[in-house]
Amino acid sequence: MLEFVIEKETDEEIISVSVKPNDKNAIATYNVERILECYNAKYLRKKISILDYKKLCDEIEALSFEKVFAENNGRLFLDGWTLRFAIQSGSTVLKVEVQCPDENAQAPETAKLLTFCKKIFALVEA
C-alpha cells in the first residue's frame, strides 16, 4: 500500500503530514516545527478509515507528476513557501517539490496536487 508525506515550508515553520496504512486503518501524523524556536509546536495523530485511505490513494494515483514537473519547469523561486510531496510504494519513492505553487488554470495538474494537499491538511487538523 502507498505511503505519502506532504511538507509545507515557510521561513517560520515546516508543517508536515505523513500517512501510513496498517491492517485496519491508516494513521496520519501531523507535525509543526517552528524553525526559530527549535521545538515542535504541534504534534497530532489521527486514524483514517481504510476505505477513506483507499480513496485518497486513488486520487494520488490519478495525478501526473510528470505534468506537475512540466508545469513548473523553469519557474523562478519567489520568497514564499515550498510544497514537497513524496509517495512511496515498497522501496520505490517518487518526490516532487514546487516553489510557491498556486491554483491556476495554466497549471491544472499542480492545482490538483495543491487541492489534494489542502484536503489532507484539513483532514488532519479537524
Protein backbone atom coordinates (compact mmCIF):
# COMPACT_ATOMS: atom_id res chain seq x y z
CA MET A 1 0.00 0.00 0.00
CA LEU A 2 1.04 3.57 -0.59
CA GLU A 3 2.52 5.90 2.00
CA PHE A 4 2.82 9.61 1.44
CA VAL A 5 4.37 12.67 3.06
CA ILE A 6 3.42 16.29 2.46
CA GLU A 7 5.53 19.22 3.69
CA LYS A 8 4.78 22.91 3.55
CA GLU A 9 7.82 25.01 4.41
CA THR A 10 7.94 28.74 5.02
CA ASP A 11 10.64 30.89 6.61
CA GLU A 12 8.97 30.39 10.00
CA GLU A 13 7.85 26.77 10.09
CA ILE A 14 7.67 23.37 8.46
CA ILE A 15 4.27 21.67 8.56
CA SER A 16 4.29 18.00 7.64
CA VAL A 17 1.73 15.24 7.35
CA SER A 18 2.64 11.61 6.81
CA VAL A 19 0.03 8.97 6.11
CA LYS A 20 0.81 5.28 6.53
CA PRO A 21 -1.58 2.34 6.37
CA ASN A 22 -1.83 -0.65 8.68
CA ASP A 23 -4.22 -3.60 8.65
CA LYS A 24 -7.40 -1.85 9.80
CA ASN A 25 -6.87 1.85 9.07
CA ALA A 26 -4.28 4.46 8.20
CA ILE A 27 -2.51 6.78 10.61
CA ALA A 28 -1.97 10.42 9.69
CA THR A 29 0.74 12.17 11.70
CA TYR A 30 0.71 15.96 11.71
CA ASN A 31 3.75 17.87 12.90
CA VAL A 32 4.54 21.60 13.04
CA GLU A 33 8.16 22.56 13.59
CA ARG A 34 8.86 26.21 14.35
CA ILE A 35 12.23 26.96 12.74
CA LEU A 36 13.31 29.80 15.00
CA GLU A 37 12.07 28.21 18.21
CA CYS A 38 13.68 24.78 17.62
CA TYR A 39 10.82 22.71 19.00
CA ASN A 40 7.68 21.07 17.75
CA ALA A 41 4.80 23.47 18.21
CA LYS A 42 2.15 20.87 17.43
CA TYR A 43 2.00 17.11 17.01
CA LEU A 44 -1.16 15.13 16.28
CA ARG A 45 -2.03 11.60 15.19
CA LYS A 46 -5.33 10.74 13.62
CA LYS A 47 -6.82 7.49 12.34
CA ILE A 48 -8.29 7.37 8.85
CA SER A 49 -10.58 4.52 7.88
CA ILE A 50 -9.06 2.11 5.37
CA LEU A 51 -11.84 2.91 2.87
CA ASP A 52 -11.17 6.66 3.09
CA TYR A 53 -7.45 5.94 2.81
CA LYS A 54 -8.01 3.91 -0.38
CA LYS A 55 -9.98 6.82 -1.86
CA LEU A 56 -7.04 9.11 -1.11
CA CYS A 57 -4.67 6.63 -2.79
CA ASP A 58 -6.88 6.53 -5.88
CA GLU A 59 -6.77 10.32 -6.03
CA ILE A 60 -2.97 10.33 -5.71
CA GLU A 61 -2.57 7.69 -8.39
CA ALA A 62 -4.65 9.81 -10.78
CA LEU A 63 -2.14 12.68 -10.54
CA SER A 64 0.55 13.02 -13.18
CA PHE A 65 3.79 14.05 -11.51
CA GLU A 66 5.39 14.38 -14.93
CA LYS A 67 2.83 17.09 -15.75
CA VAL A 68 3.45 18.82 -12.39
CA PHE A 69 7.15 18.90 -13.28
CA ALA A 70 6.47 20.24 -16.77
CA GLU A 71 4.10 22.94 -15.49
CA ASN A 72 6.75 24.21 -13.07
CA ASN A 73 9.87 23.69 -15.16
CA GLY A 74 11.93 26.87 -15.20
CA ARG A 75 9.69 28.65 -12.73
CA LEU A 76 11.58 31.21 -10.68
CA PHE A 77 11.52 30.87 -6.90
CA LEU A 78 9.95 33.78 -5.15
CA ASP A 79 10.00 34.41 -1.42
CA GLY A 80 7.08 32.49 -0.09
CA TRP A 81 6.72 28.81 0.57
CA THR A 82 7.68 25.40 -0.73
CA LEU A 83 5.45 22.34 -1.18
CA ARG A 84 7.10 18.91 -1.04
CA PHE A 85 5.18 15.75 -1.79
CA ALA A 86 6.56 12.21 -1.65
CA ILE A 87 4.77 8.97 -2.35
CA GLN A 88 6.21 5.55 -1.58
CA SER A 89 5.26 2.02 -2.50
CA GLY A 90 7.63 -0.63 -1.19
CA SER A 91 11.14 0.59 -1.96
CA THR A 92 10.07 2.93 -4.77
CA VAL A 93 9.78 6.63 -3.89
CA LEU A 94 8.57 9.48 -6.06
CA LYS A 95 9.09 13.07 -4.88
CA VAL A 96 8.08 16.44 -6.22
CA GLU A 97 8.96 19.89 -4.87
CA VAL A 98 7.20 23.02 -6.09
CA GLN A 99 8.13 26.57 -5.16
CA CYS A 100 5.16 28.83 -4.33
CA PRO A 101 2.51 26.76 -6.14
CA ASP A 102 -0.81 28.35 -6.83
CA GLU A 103 -4.15 27.16 -8.15
CA ASN A 104 -4.45 28.49 -11.67
CA ALA A 105 -5.76 27.28 -14.99
CA GLN A 106 -2.29 27.47 -16.55
CA ALA A 107 -1.09 24.64 -14.29
CA PRO A 108 -4.04 22.27 -13.82
CA GLU A 109 -2.08 19.27 -12.53
CA THR A 110 -0.25 21.43 -9.98
CA ALA A 111 -3.63 22.80 -8.91
CA LYS A 112 -4.89 19.22 -8.40
CA LEU A 113 -1.84 18.40 -6.28
CA LEU A 114 -2.30 21.55 -4.21
CA THR A 115 -6.02 20.82 -3.72
CA PHE A 116 -5.20 17.27 -2.62
CA CYS A 117 -2.60 18.51 -0.12
CA LYS A 118 -5.03 21.07 1.31
CA LYS A 119 -7.59 18.28 1.73
CA ILE A 120 -5.09 16.19 3.70
CA PHE A 121 -4.11 19.11 5.95
CA ALA A 122 -7.79 19.88 6.60
CA LEU A 123 -8.49 16.22 7.36
CA VAL A 124 -5.78 16.03 9.98
CA GLU A 125 -6.27 19.44 11.55
CA ALA A 126 -10.02 18.91 12.02
